[in-house]
Amino acid sequence: MSTMMDGEDYRIREAIRIFQERPKRPFSACACLGPANGEPECFCRMASIVKVEGIYYQISGDELSGITARHYQNPPQQ
């Protein structure tokens, strides 16, 4: 039997898989002008954000401590 949580678990696992398969980019200072192509953040900040089935997930952690994903929430505009 499938539940909505099963779908959420799938999307989280898929977001982590996509993140792990991305080529690693070197860290550098962000000089972006802002979000592009309808994404919620600039190109540099999108490095840790993955979209799965229309939902954005923020990826955090590393290979040693474990990688986790949670729903991305755009910070409030000031």
PDB file of N, CA and C in Angstrom:
ATOM      1  N   MET A   1       0.835  -1.171   0.000  1.00  0.00           N
ATOM      2  CA  MET A   1       0.000   0.000   0.000  1.00  0.00           C
ATOM      3  C   MET A   1       0.888   1.244   0.000  1.00  0.00           C
ATOM      4  N   SER A   2       0.561   2.217  -0.849  1.00  0.00           N
ATOM      5  CA  SER A   2       1.351   3.433  -0.978  1.00  0.00           C
ATOM      6  C   SER A   2       0.676   4.568  -0.226  1.00  0.00           C
ATOM      7  N   THR A   3       1.483   5.392   0.421  1.00  0.00           N
ATOM      8  CA  THR A   3       0.960   6.554   1.129  1.00  0.00           C
ATOM      9  C   THR A   3       1.666   7.798   0.621  1.00  0.00           C
ATOM     10  N   MET A   4       1.174   8.972   1.024  1.00  0.00           N
ATOM     11  CA  MET A   4       1.832  10.212   0.631  1.00  0.00           C
ATOM     12  C   MET A   4       3.243  10.271   1.181  1.00  0.00           C
ATOM     13  N   MET A   5       3.470   9.707   2.367  1.00  0.00           N
ATOM     14  CA  MET A   5       4.808   9.729   2.951  1.00  0.00           C
ATOM     15  C   MET A   5       5.769   8.924   2.099  1.00  0.00           C
ATOM     16  N   ASP A   6       5.275   7.820   1.508  1.00  0.00           N
ATOM     17  CA  ASP A   6       6.138   7.051   0.618  1.00  0.00           C
ATOM     18  C   ASP A   6       6.626   7.924  -0.530  1.00  0.00           C
ATOM     19  N   GLY A   7       5.742   8.777  -1.070  1.00  0.00           N
ATOM     20  CA  GLY A   7       6.116   9.693  -2.136  1.00  0.00           C
ATOM     21  C   GLY A   7       7.142  10.706  -1.662  1.00  0.00           C
ATOM     22  N   GLU A   8       6.965  11.211  -0.468  1.00  0.00           N
ATOM     23  CA  GLU A   8       7.926  12.173   0.093  1.00  0.00           C
ATOM     24  C   GLU A   8       9.271  11.498   0.322  1.00  0.00           C
ATOM     25  N   ASP A   9       9.266  10.291   0.864  1.00  0.00           N
ATOM     26  CA  ASP A   9      10.521   9.556   1.069  1.00  0.00           C
ATOM     27  C   ASP A   9      11.230   9.335  -0.255  1.00  0.00           C
ATOM     28  N   TYR A  10      10.464   8.986  -1.289  1.00  0.00           N
ATOM     29  CA  TYR A  10      11.051   8.778  -2.616  1.00  0.00           C
ATOM     30  C   TYR A  10      11.701  10.068  -3.118  1.00  0.00           C
ATOM     31  N   ARG A  11      10.985  11.197  -3.007  1.00  0.00           N
ATOM     32  CA  ARG A  11      11.521  12.469  -3.495  1.00  0.00           C
ATOM     33  C   ARG A  11      12.786  12.869  -2.736  1.00  0.00           C
ATOM     34  N   ILE A  12      12.820  12.627  -1.440  1.00  0.00           N
ATOM     35  CA  ILE A  12      14.022  12.945  -0.656  1.00  0.00           C
ATOM     36  C   ILE A  12      15.190  12.073  -1.103  1.00  0.00           C
ATOM     37  N   ARG A  13      14.961  10.782  -1.257  1.00  0.00           N
ATOM     38  CA  ARG A  13      16.038   9.892  -1.727  1.00  0.00           C
ATOM     39  C   ARG A  13      16.502  10.291  -3.129  1.00  0.00           C
ATOM     40  N   GLU A  14      15.558  10.657  -3.984  1.00  0.00           N
ATOM     41  CA  GLU A  14      15.893  11.068  -5.348  1.00  0.00           C
ATOM     42  C   GLU A  14      16.682  12.379  -5.341  1.00  0.00           C
ATOM     43  N   ALA A  15      16.308  13.326  -4.492  1.00  0.00           N
ATOM     44  CA  ALA A  15      17.041  14.592  -4.389  1.00  0.00           C
ATOM     45  C   ALA A  15      18.487  14.340  -3.952  1.00  0.00           C
ATOM     46  N   ILE A  16      18.677  13.467  -2.977  1.00  0.00           N
ATOM     47  CA  ILE A  16      20.031  13.153  -2.511  1.00  0.00           C
ATOM     48  C   ILE A  16      20.819  12.462  -3.613  1.00  0.00           C
ATOM     49  N   ARG A  17      20.179  11.546  -4.349  1.00  0.00           N
ATOM     50  CA  ARG A  17      20.860  10.847  -5.442  1.00  0.00           C
ATOM     51  C   ARG A  17      21.298  11.838  -6.522  1.00  0.00           C
ATOM     52  N   ILE A  18      20.408  12.733  -6.919  1.00  0.00           N
ATOM     53  CA  ILE A  18      20.730  13.725  -7.942  1.00  0.00           C
ATOM     54  C   ILE A  18      21.887  14.603  -7.474  1.00  0.00           C
ATOM     55  N   PHE A  19      21.830  15.043  -6.220  1.00  0.00           N
ATOM     56  CA  PHE A  19      22.890  15.893  -5.667  1.00  0.00           C
ATOM     57  C   PHE A  19      24.237  15.161  -5.701  1.00  0.00           C
ATOM     58  N   GLN A  20      24.254  13.897  -5.302  1.00  0.00           N
ATOM     59  CA  GLN A  20      25.499  13.141  -5.265  1.00  0.00           C
ATOM     60  C   GLN A  20      26.068  12.899  -6.661  1.00  0.00           C
ATOM     61  N   GLU A  21      25.215  12.858  -7.671  1.00  0.00           N
ATOM     62  CA  GLU A  21      25.692  12.614  -9.034  1.00  0.00           C
ATOM     63  C   GLU A  21      26.145  13.882  -9.747  1.00  0.00           C
ATOM     64  N   ARG A  22      25.844  15.044  -9.179  1.00  0.00           N
ATOM     65  CA  ARG A  22      26.283  16.295  -9.793  1.00  0.00           C
ATOM     66  C   ARG A  22      27.802  16.405  -9.714  1.00  0.00           C
ATOM     67  N   PRO A  23      28.409  16.981 -10.747  1.00  0.00           N
ATOM     68  CA  PRO A  23      29.850  17.237 -10.643  1.00  0.00           C
ATOM     69  C   PRO A  23      30.115  18.246  -9.535  1.00  0.00           C
ATOM     70  N   LYS A  24      31.161  18.036  -8.797  1.00  0.00           N
ATOM     71  CA  LYS A  24      31.512  18.940  -7.701  1.00  0.00           C
ATOM     72  C   LYS A  24      32.120  20.212  -8.290  1.00  0.00           C
ATOM     73  N   ARG A  25      31.609  21.352  -7.836  1.00  0.00           N
ATOM     74  CA  ARG A  25      32.128  22.637  -8.298  1.00  0.00           C
ATOM     75  C   ARG A  25      33.015  23.235  -7.217  1.00  0.00           C
ATOM     76  N   PRO A  26      34.080  23.912  -7.640  1.00  0.00           N
ATOM     77  CA  PRO A  26      34.928  24.572  -6.641  1.00  0.00           C
ATOM     78  C   PRO A  26      34.169  25.715  -5.980  1.00  0.00           C
ATOM     79  N   PHE A  27      34.483  25.955  -4.716  1.00  0.00           N
ATOM     80  CA  PHE A  27      33.860  27.067  -3.998  1.00  0.00           C
ATOM     81  C   PHE A  27      34.493  28.366  -4.459  1.00  0.00           C
ATOM     82  N   SER A  28      33.655  29.376  -4.607  1.00  0.00           N
ATOM     83  CA  SER A  28      34.154  30.700  -4.968  1.00  0.00           C
ATOM     84  C   SER A  28      33.145  31.730  -4.491  1.00  0.00           C
ATOM     85  N   ALA A  29      33.563  32.972  -4.518  1.00  0.00           N
ATOM     86  CA  ALA A  29      32.658  34.049  -4.131  1.00  0.00           C
ATOM     87  C   ALA A  29      31.549  34.153  -5.171  1.00  0.00           C
ATOM     88  N   CYS A  30      30.360  34.422  -4.716  1.00  0.00           N
ATOM     89  CA  CYS A  30      29.210  34.531  -5.612  1.00  0.00           C
ATOM     90  C   CYS A  30      29.155  35.938  -6.201  1.00  0.00           C
ATOM     91  N   ALA A  31      29.095  36.004  -7.501  1.00  0.00           N
ATOM     92  CA  ALA A  31      28.966  37.294  -8.178  1.00  0.00           C
ATOM     93  C   ALA A  31      27.715  37.290  -9.059  1.00  0.00           C
ATOM     94  N   CYS A  32      26.760  36.477  -8.723  1.00  0.00           N
ATOM     95  CA  CYS A  32      25.539  36.347  -9.511  1.00  0.00           C
ATOM     96  C   CYS A  32      24.656  37.577  -9.342  1.00  0.00           C
ATOM     97  N   LEU A  33      23.813  37.784 -10.314  1.00  0.00           N
ATOM     98  CA  LEU A  33      22.883  38.910 -10.269  1.00  0.00           C
ATOM     99  C   LEU A  33      21.532  38.517  -9.704  1.00  0.00           C
ATOM    100  N   GLY A  34      21.341  37.251  -9.442  1.00  0.00           N
ATOM    101  CA  GLY A  34      20.081  36.804  -8.874  1.00  0.00           C
ATOM    102  C   GLY A  34      19.578  35.544  -9.556  1.00  0.00           C
ATOM    103  N   PRO A  35      18.378  35.123  -9.188  1.00  0.00           N
ATOM    104  CA  PRO A  35      17.800  33.908  -9.754  1.00  0.00           C
ATOM    105  C   PRO A  35      17.612  34.018 -11.269  1.00  0.00           C
ATOM    106  N   ALA A  36      17.665  32.869 -11.933  1.00  0.00           N
ATOM    107  CA  ALA A  36      17.454  32.812 -13.377  1.00  0.00           C
ATOM    108  C   ALA A  36      16.610  31.598 -13.716  1.00  0.00           C
ATOM    109  N   ASN A  37      15.991  31.608 -14.855  1.00  0.00           N
ATOM    110  CA  ASN A  37      15.223  30.463 -15.366  1.00  0.00           C
ATOM    111  C   ASN A  37      14.150  29.975 -14.406  1.00  0.00           C
ATOM    112  N   GLY A  38      13.563  30.869 -13.633  1.00  0.00           N
ATOM    113  CA  GLY A  38      12.488  30.493 -12.727  1.00  0.00           C
ATOM    114  C   GLY A  38      12.940  29.777 -11.468  1.00  0.00           C
ATOM    115  N   GLU A  39      14.243  29.650 -11.250  1.00  0.00           N
ATOM    116  CA  GLU A  39      14.748  28.989 -10.045  1.00  0.00           C
ATOM    117  C   GLU A  39      14.681  29.964  -8.870  1.00  0.00           C
ATOM    118  N   PRO A  40      14.584  29.439  -7.638  1.00  0.00           N
ATOM    119  CA  PRO A  40      14.403  30.332  -6.491  1.00  0.00           C
ATOM    120  C   PRO A  40      15.668  31.055  -6.035  1.00  0.00           C
ATOM    121  N   GLU A  41      16.818  30.597  -6.460  1.00  0.00           N
ATOM    122  CA  GLU A  41      18.083  31.203  -6.023  1.00  0.00           C
ATOM    123  C   GLU A  41      19.001  31.401  -7.222  1.00  0.00           C
ATOM    124  N   CYS A  42      20.098  32.102  -7.014  1.00  0.00           N
ATOM    125  CA  CYS A  42      21.094  32.295  -8.063  1.00  0.00           C
ATOM    126  C   CYS A  42      21.812  30.972  -8.350  1.00  0.00           C
ATOM    127  N   PHE A  43      22.554  30.945  -9.443  1.00  0.00           N
ATOM    128  CA  PHE A  43      23.247  29.735  -9.870  1.00  0.00           C
ATOM    129  C   PHE A  43      24.139  29.158  -8.771  1.00  0.00           C
ATOM    130  N   CYS A  44      24.861  30.019  -8.073  1.00  0.00           N
ATOM    131  CA  CYS A  44      25.776  29.538  -7.025  1.00  0.00           C
ATOM    132  C   CYS A  44      25.026  28.859  -5.882  1.00  0.00           C
ATOM    133  N   ARG A  45      23.934  29.472  -5.427  1.00  0.00           N
ATOM    134  CA  ARG A  45      23.167  28.905  -4.315  1.00  0.00           C
ATOM    135  C   ARG A  45      22.380  27.675  -4.724  1.00  0.00           C
ATOM    136  N   MET A  46      22.086  27.530  -6.020  1.00  0.00           N
ATOM    137  CA  MET A  46      21.341  26.364  -6.493  1.00  0.00           C
ATOM    138  C   MET A  46      22.190  25.096  -6.428  1.00  0.00           C
ATOM    139  N   ALA A  47      23.474  25.227  -6.139  1.00  0.00           N
ATOM    140  CA  ALA A  47      24.340  24.049  -6.049  1.00  0.00           C
ATOM    141  C   ALA A  47      23.861  23.087  -4.966  1.00  0.00           C
ATOM    142  N   SER A  48      23.208  23.591  -3.917  1.00  0.00           N
ATOM    143  CA  SER A  48      22.740  22.717  -2.839  1.00  0.00           C
ATOM    144  C   SER A  48      21.219  22.548  -2.845  1.00  0.00           C
ATOM    145  N   ILE A  49      20.580  22.955  -3.932  1.00  0.00           N
ATOM    146  CA  ILE A  49      19.127  22.837  -4.038  1.00  0.00           C
ATOM    147  C   ILE A  49      18.794  21.955  -5.229  1.00  0.00           C
ATOM    148  N   VAL A  50      17.903  20.991  -5.020  1.00  0.00           N
ATOM    149  CA  VAL A  50      17.519  20.049  -6.065  1.00  0.00           C
ATOM    150  C   VAL A  50      16.002  20.069  -6.212  1.00  0.00           C
ATOM    151  N   LYS A  51      15.542  20.033  -7.452  1.00  0.00           N
ATOM    152  CA  LYS A  51      14.102  20.003  -7.719  1.00  0.00           C
ATOM    153  C   LYS A  51      13.701  18.590  -8.133  1.00  0.00           C
ATOM    154  N   VAL A  52      12.741  18.013  -7.411  1.00  0.00           N
ATOM    155  CA  VAL A  52      12.223  16.685  -7.713  1.00  0.00           C
ATOM    156  C   VAL A  52      10.704  16.778  -7.771  1.00  0.00           C
ATOM    157  N   GLU A  53      10.139  16.399  -8.893  1.00  0.00           N
ATOM    158  CA  GLU A  53       8.688  16.416  -9.091  1.00  0.00           C
ATOM    159  C   GLU A  53       8.065  17.746  -8.687  1.00  0.00           C
ATOM    160  N   GLY A  54       8.723  18.848  -9.075  1.00  0.00           N
ATOM    161  CA  GLY A  54       8.186  20.178  -8.820  1.00  0.00           C
ATOM    162  C   GLY A  54       8.426  20.729  -7.432  1.00  0.00           C
ATOM    163  N   ILE A  55       9.108  19.984  -6.580  1.00  0.00           N
ATOM    164  CA  ILE A  55       9.386  20.426  -5.207  1.00  0.00           C
ATOM    165  C   ILE A  55      10.885  20.616  -5.043  1.00  0.00           C
ATOM    166  N   TYR A  56      11.277  21.768  -4.477  1.00  0.00           N
ATOM    167  CA  TYR A  56      12.690  22.042  -4.238  1.00  0.00           C
ATOM    168  C   TYR A  56      13.101  21.492  -2.872  1.00  0.00           C
ATOM    169  N   TYR A  57      14.287  20.860  -2.840  1.00  0.00           N
ATOM    170  CA  TYR A  57      14.854  20.323  -1.593  1.00  0.00           C
ATOM    171  C   TYR A  57      16.226  20.924  -1.373  1.00  0.00           C
ATOM    172  N   GLN A  58      16.492  21.343  -0.129  1.00  0.00           N
ATOM    173  CA  GLN A  58      17.801  21.850   0.284  1.00  0.00           C
ATOM    174  C   GLN A  58      18.607  20.668   0.789  1.00  0.00           C
ATOM    175  N   ILE A  59      19.770  20.449   0.217  1.00  0.00           N
ATOM    176  CA  ILE A  59      20.640  19.353   0.610  1.00  0.00           C
ATOM    177  C   ILE A  59      21.670  19.891   1.590  1.00  0.00           C
ATOM    178  N   SER A  60      21.909  19.155   2.672  1.00  0.00           N
ATOM    179  CA  SER A  60      22.917  19.579   3.642  1.00  0.00           C
ATOM    180  C   SER A  60      23.677  18.365   4.143  1.00  0.00           C
ATOM    181  N   GLY A  61      24.793  18.627   4.789  1.00  0.00           N
ATOM    182  CA  GLY A  61      25.646  17.557   5.301  1.00  0.00           C
ATOM    183  C   GLY A  61      26.738  17.212   4.308  1.00  0.00           C
ATOM    184  N   ASP A  62      27.472  16.156   4.616  1.00  0.00           N
ATOM    185  CA  ASP A  62      28.528  15.703   3.717  1.00  0.00           C
ATOM    186  C   ASP A  62      28.620  14.184   3.787  1.00  0.00           C
ATOM    187  N   GLU A  63      29.557  13.644   3.035  1.00  0.00           N
ATOM    188  CA  GLU A  63      29.693  12.186   2.953  1.00  0.00           C
ATOM    189  C   GLU A  63      30.006  11.560   4.319  1.00  0.00           C
ATOM    190  N   LEU A  64      30.732  12.283   5.165  1.00  0.00           N
ATOM    191  CA  LEU A  64      31.122  11.725   6.464  1.00  0.00           C
ATOM    192  C   LEU A  64      29.981  11.772   7.483  1.00  0.00           C
ATOM    193  N   SER A  65      29.299  12.917   7.558  1.00  0.00           N
ATOM    194  CA  SER A  65      28.247  13.061   8.571  1.00  0.00           C
ATOM    195  C   SER A  65      26.897  12.583   8.072  1.00  0.00           C
ATOM    196  N   GLY A  66      26.793  12.357   6.787  1.00  0.00           N
ATOM    197  CA  GLY A  66      25.525  11.939   6.203  1.00  0.00           C
ATOM    198  C   GLY A  66      24.850  13.103   5.500  1.00  0.00           C
ATOM    199  N   ILE A  67      24.234  12.819   4.387  1.00  0.00           N
ATOM    200  CA  ILE A  67      23.562  13.847   3.603  1.00  0.00           C
ATOM    201  C   ILE A  67      22.069  13.778   3.874  1.00  0.00           C
ATOM    202  N   THR A  68      21.463  14.929   4.102  1.00  0.00           N
ATOM    203  CA  THR A  68      20.029  14.991   4.344  1.00  0.00           C
ATOM    204  C   THR A  68      19.398  15.991   3.378  1.00  0.00           C
ATOM    205  N   ALA A  69      18.097  15.875   3.205  1.00  0.00           N
ATOM    206  CA  ALA A  69      17.357  16.805   2.360  1.00  0.00           C
ATOM    207  C   ALA A  69      16.090  17.215   3.094  1.00  0.00           C
ATOM    208  N   ARG A  70      15.720  18.477   2.921  1.00  0.00           N
ATOM    209  CA  ARG A  70      14.471  18.969   3.501  1.00  0.00           C
ATOM    210  C   ARG A  70      13.857  19.939   2.506  1.00  0.00           C
ATOM    211  N   HIS A  71      12.569  20.199   2.658  1.00  0.00           N
ATOM    212  CA  HIS A  71      11.907  21.147   1.777  1.00  0.00           C
ATOM    213  C   HIS A  71      12.640  22.477   1.824  1.00  0.00           C
ATOM    214  N   TYR A  72      12.918  23.026   0.653  1.00  0.00           N
ATOM    215  CA  TYR A  72      13.566  24.332   0.572  1.00  0.00           C
ATOM    216  C   TYR A  72      12.528  25.415   0.820  1.00  0.00           C
ATOM    217  N   GLN A  73      12.892  26.369   1.630  1.00  0.00           N
ATOM    218  CA  GLN A  73      12.030  27.529   1.845  1.00  0.00           C
ATOM    219  C   GLN A  73      12.825  28.774   1.521  1.00  0.00           C
ATOM    220  N   ASN A  74      12.332  29.523   0.565  1.00  0.00           N
ATOM    221  CA  ASN A  74      12.995  30.746   0.149  1.00  0.00           C
ATOM    222  C   ASN A  74      13.035  31.713   1.315  1.00  0.00           C
ATOM    223  N   PRO A  75      14.196  32.271   1.652  1.00  0.00           N
ATOM    224  CA  PRO A  75      14.259  33.217   2.769  1.00  0.00           C
ATOM    225  C   PRO A  75      13.409  34.446   2.485  1.00  0.00           C
ATOM    226  N   PRO A  76      12.835  35.043   3.515  1.00  0.00           N
ATOM    227  CA  PRO A  76      11.988  36.225   3.305  1.00  0.00           C
ATOM    228  C   PRO A  76      12.791  37.387   2.732  1.00  0.00           C
ATOM    229  N   GLN A  77      12.177  38.115   1.832  1.00  0.00           N
ATOM    230  CA  GLN A  77      12.834  39.287   1.236  1.00  0.00           C
ATOM    231  C   GLN A  77      12.824  40.426   2.245  1.00  0.00           C
ATOM    232  N   GLN A  78      13.918  41.162   2.331  1.00  0.00           N
ATOM    233  CA  GLN A  78      14.015  42.268   3.286  1.00  0.00           C
ATOM    234  C   GLN A  78      13.941  43.595   2.597  1.00  0.00           C
TER     235      GLN A  78
END
